[in-house]
Protein backbone atom coordinates (compact mmCIF):
# COMPACT_ATOMS: atom_id res chain seq x y z
CA GLN A 1 -6.46 8.18 15.97
CA MET A 2 -3.73 7.27 13.55
CA GLN A 3 -2.60 9.55 10.77
CA LEU A 4 -1.22 8.01 7.59
CA VAL A 5 0.60 9.95 4.91
CA GLU A 6 1.58 8.32 1.61
CA SER A 7 4.34 9.50 -0.68
CA GLY A 8 6.34 8.27 -3.62
CA GLY A 9 3.74 8.20 -6.35
CA GLY A 10 4.34 9.65 -9.78
CA LEU A 11 4.53 9.03 -13.50
CA VAL A 12 6.60 6.12 -14.76
CA GLN A 13 6.94 4.25 -18.03
CA THR A 14 5.89 0.64 -18.53
CA GLY A 15 8.47 -1.64 -16.97
CA GLY A 16 9.61 0.97 -14.50
CA SER A 17 9.61 0.98 -10.71
CA LEU A 18 8.32 3.10 -7.89
CA ARG A 19 8.57 2.85 -4.12
CA LEU A 20 5.63 4.08 -2.11
CA SER A 21 6.00 5.02 1.53
CA CYS A 22 3.38 5.49 4.20
CA ALA A 23 4.35 7.26 7.41
CA ALA A 24 2.17 6.68 10.46
CA SER A 25 1.70 8.70 13.61
CA GLY A 26 -0.63 8.85 16.56
CA ARG A 27 -0.97 5.18 17.47
CA THR A 28 1.29 2.23 18.19
CA PHE A 29 2.24 1.44 14.62
CA SER A 30 3.74 -1.93 15.45
CA SER A 31 0.38 -3.18 16.74
CA TYR A 32 -1.36 -2.75 13.40
CA ALA A 33 -1.48 -4.77 10.25
CA MET A 34 -0.85 -2.51 7.30
CA GLY A 35 -2.33 -2.75 3.85
CA TRP A 36 -2.02 -1.12 0.47
CA PHE A 37 -5.09 -0.64 -1.70
CA ARG A 38 -5.64 1.05 -5.02
CA GLN A 39 -8.51 2.60 -6.90
CA ALA A 40 -8.54 3.27 -10.62
CA PRO A 41 -11.04 5.69 -12.19
CA GLY A 42 -14.50 4.17 -12.35
CA LYS A 43 -13.47 1.09 -10.39
CA GLU A 44 -13.89 -0.19 -6.86
CA ARG A 45 -11.07 0.14 -4.39
CA GLU A 46 -9.10 -3.11 -4.45
CA PHE A 47 -6.68 -4.83 -2.16
CA VAL A 48 -3.05 -4.89 -3.25
CA ALA A 49 -0.90 -6.14 -0.37
CA ALA A 50 -0.84 -6.49 3.40
CA ILE A 51 1.73 -7.12 6.09
CA ARG A 52 1.11 -8.40 9.57
CA TRP A 53 2.07 -6.35 12.61
CA SER A 54 5.09 -8.56 13.26
CA GLY A 55 6.10 -8.45 9.62
CA SER A 56 6.03 -12.24 9.63
CA ASN A 57 3.23 -12.55 7.12
CA THR A 58 2.56 -10.82 3.85
CA TYR A 59 -0.21 -11.31 1.33
CA TYR A 60 -0.64 -10.07 -2.22
CA THR A 61 -3.35 -9.95 -4.78
CA ASP A 62 -2.53 -12.26 -7.69
CA SER A 63 -1.97 -9.50 -10.21
CA VAL A 64 1.01 -8.06 -8.30
CA LYS A 65 2.66 -11.22 -7.01
CA GLY A 66 6.31 -11.34 -8.00
CA ARG A 67 6.30 -7.63 -8.91
CA PHE A 68 5.35 -5.81 -5.70
CA THR A 69 6.87 -6.17 -2.25
CA ILE A 70 5.37 -4.83 0.96
CA SER A 71 7.63 -4.20 3.94
CA ARG A 72 7.60 -2.25 7.17
CA ASP A 73 10.06 -0.50 9.44
CA ASP A 74 8.52 -0.24 12.87
CA ALA A 75 11.38 1.93 14.12
CA LYS A 76 10.37 4.51 11.51
CA ASN A 77 6.60 3.89 11.73
CA THR A 78 6.60 3.40 7.99
CA VAL A 79 5.29 0.82 5.55
CA TYR A 80 6.59 0.54 2.01
CA LEU A 81 5.39 -0.82 -1.28
CA GLN A 82 8.12 -1.54 -3.80
CA MET A 83 6.56 -1.79 -7.23
CA ASN A 84 8.55 -3.24 -10.12
CA SER A 85 7.67 -4.12 -13.70
CA LEU A 86 4.84 -1.64 -13.68
CA ASN A 87 2.26 -1.67 -16.45
CA PRO A 88 -0.62 0.64 -17.36
CA GLU A 89 -3.09 -1.58 -15.49
CA ASP A 90 -1.32 -0.54 -12.27
CA THR A 91 -2.40 3.07 -12.79
CA ALA A 92 -4.48 4.13 -9.78
CA VAL A 93 -4.54 6.11 -6.60
CA TYR A 94 -2.75 4.03 -3.98
CA TYR A 95 -3.82 4.15 -0.35
CA CYS A 96 -2.25 2.75 2.76
CA ALA A 97 -4.43 1.65 5.65
CA ALA A 98 -4.10 0.25 9.16
CA ALA A 99 -6.11 -2.50 10.80
CA ASN A 100 -6.00 -4.04 14.27
CA ILE A 101 -6.84 -7.44 12.80
CA TRP A 102 -5.29 -9.48 10.02
CA THR A 103 -7.52 -8.85 7.02
CA ILE A 104 -7.57 -7.89 3.36
CA VAL A 105 -11.12 -6.51 3.49
CA PRO A 106 -11.00 -2.74 3.10
CA GLN A 107 -14.05 -2.22 5.31
CA ARG A 108 -12.16 -3.79 8.21
CA TYR A 109 -9.36 -1.23 8.07
CA ASP A 110 -9.57 1.48 10.68
CA TYR A 111 -7.38 4.24 9.33
CA TRP A 112 -6.61 5.45 5.82
CA GLY A 113 -4.20 7.81 4.17
CA GLN A 114 -5.16 10.38 1.58
CA GLY A 115 -3.68 8.43 -1.33
CA THR A 116 -0.92 8.96 -3.84
CA GLN A 117 -1.33 8.84 -7.61
CA VAL A 118 0.59 6.28 -9.65
CA THR A 119 0.43 6.64 -13.41
CA VAL A 120 2.11 4.17 -15.74
CA SER A 121 2.45 5.26 -19.34
CA SER A 122 2.58 2.81 -22.22
């Protein structure tokens, strides 16, 4: 089992920034690809960003490219999501997840955190 705990969410104004963190425990963190997903009220959970276990590859959904950056620190068993230029459409619960394959499909992720709320006011 792997436990994932997100933090860093909150309320921010349009144009602001937030940095989400996801701390992992229980498994070899460096062996897993890590992803960030989000779910807005009444909507499906959607992929946001992913980073390969080596950190050599990252992938973003189009709507966050150039604004969000995913990174990882394997020494701290933590993955980050730096979010800049936030807008109200980014409002959602953000989840981190771990997968033992390289994928952006949420059903292929093995472990999930409990989520952290991000609210962007206009």
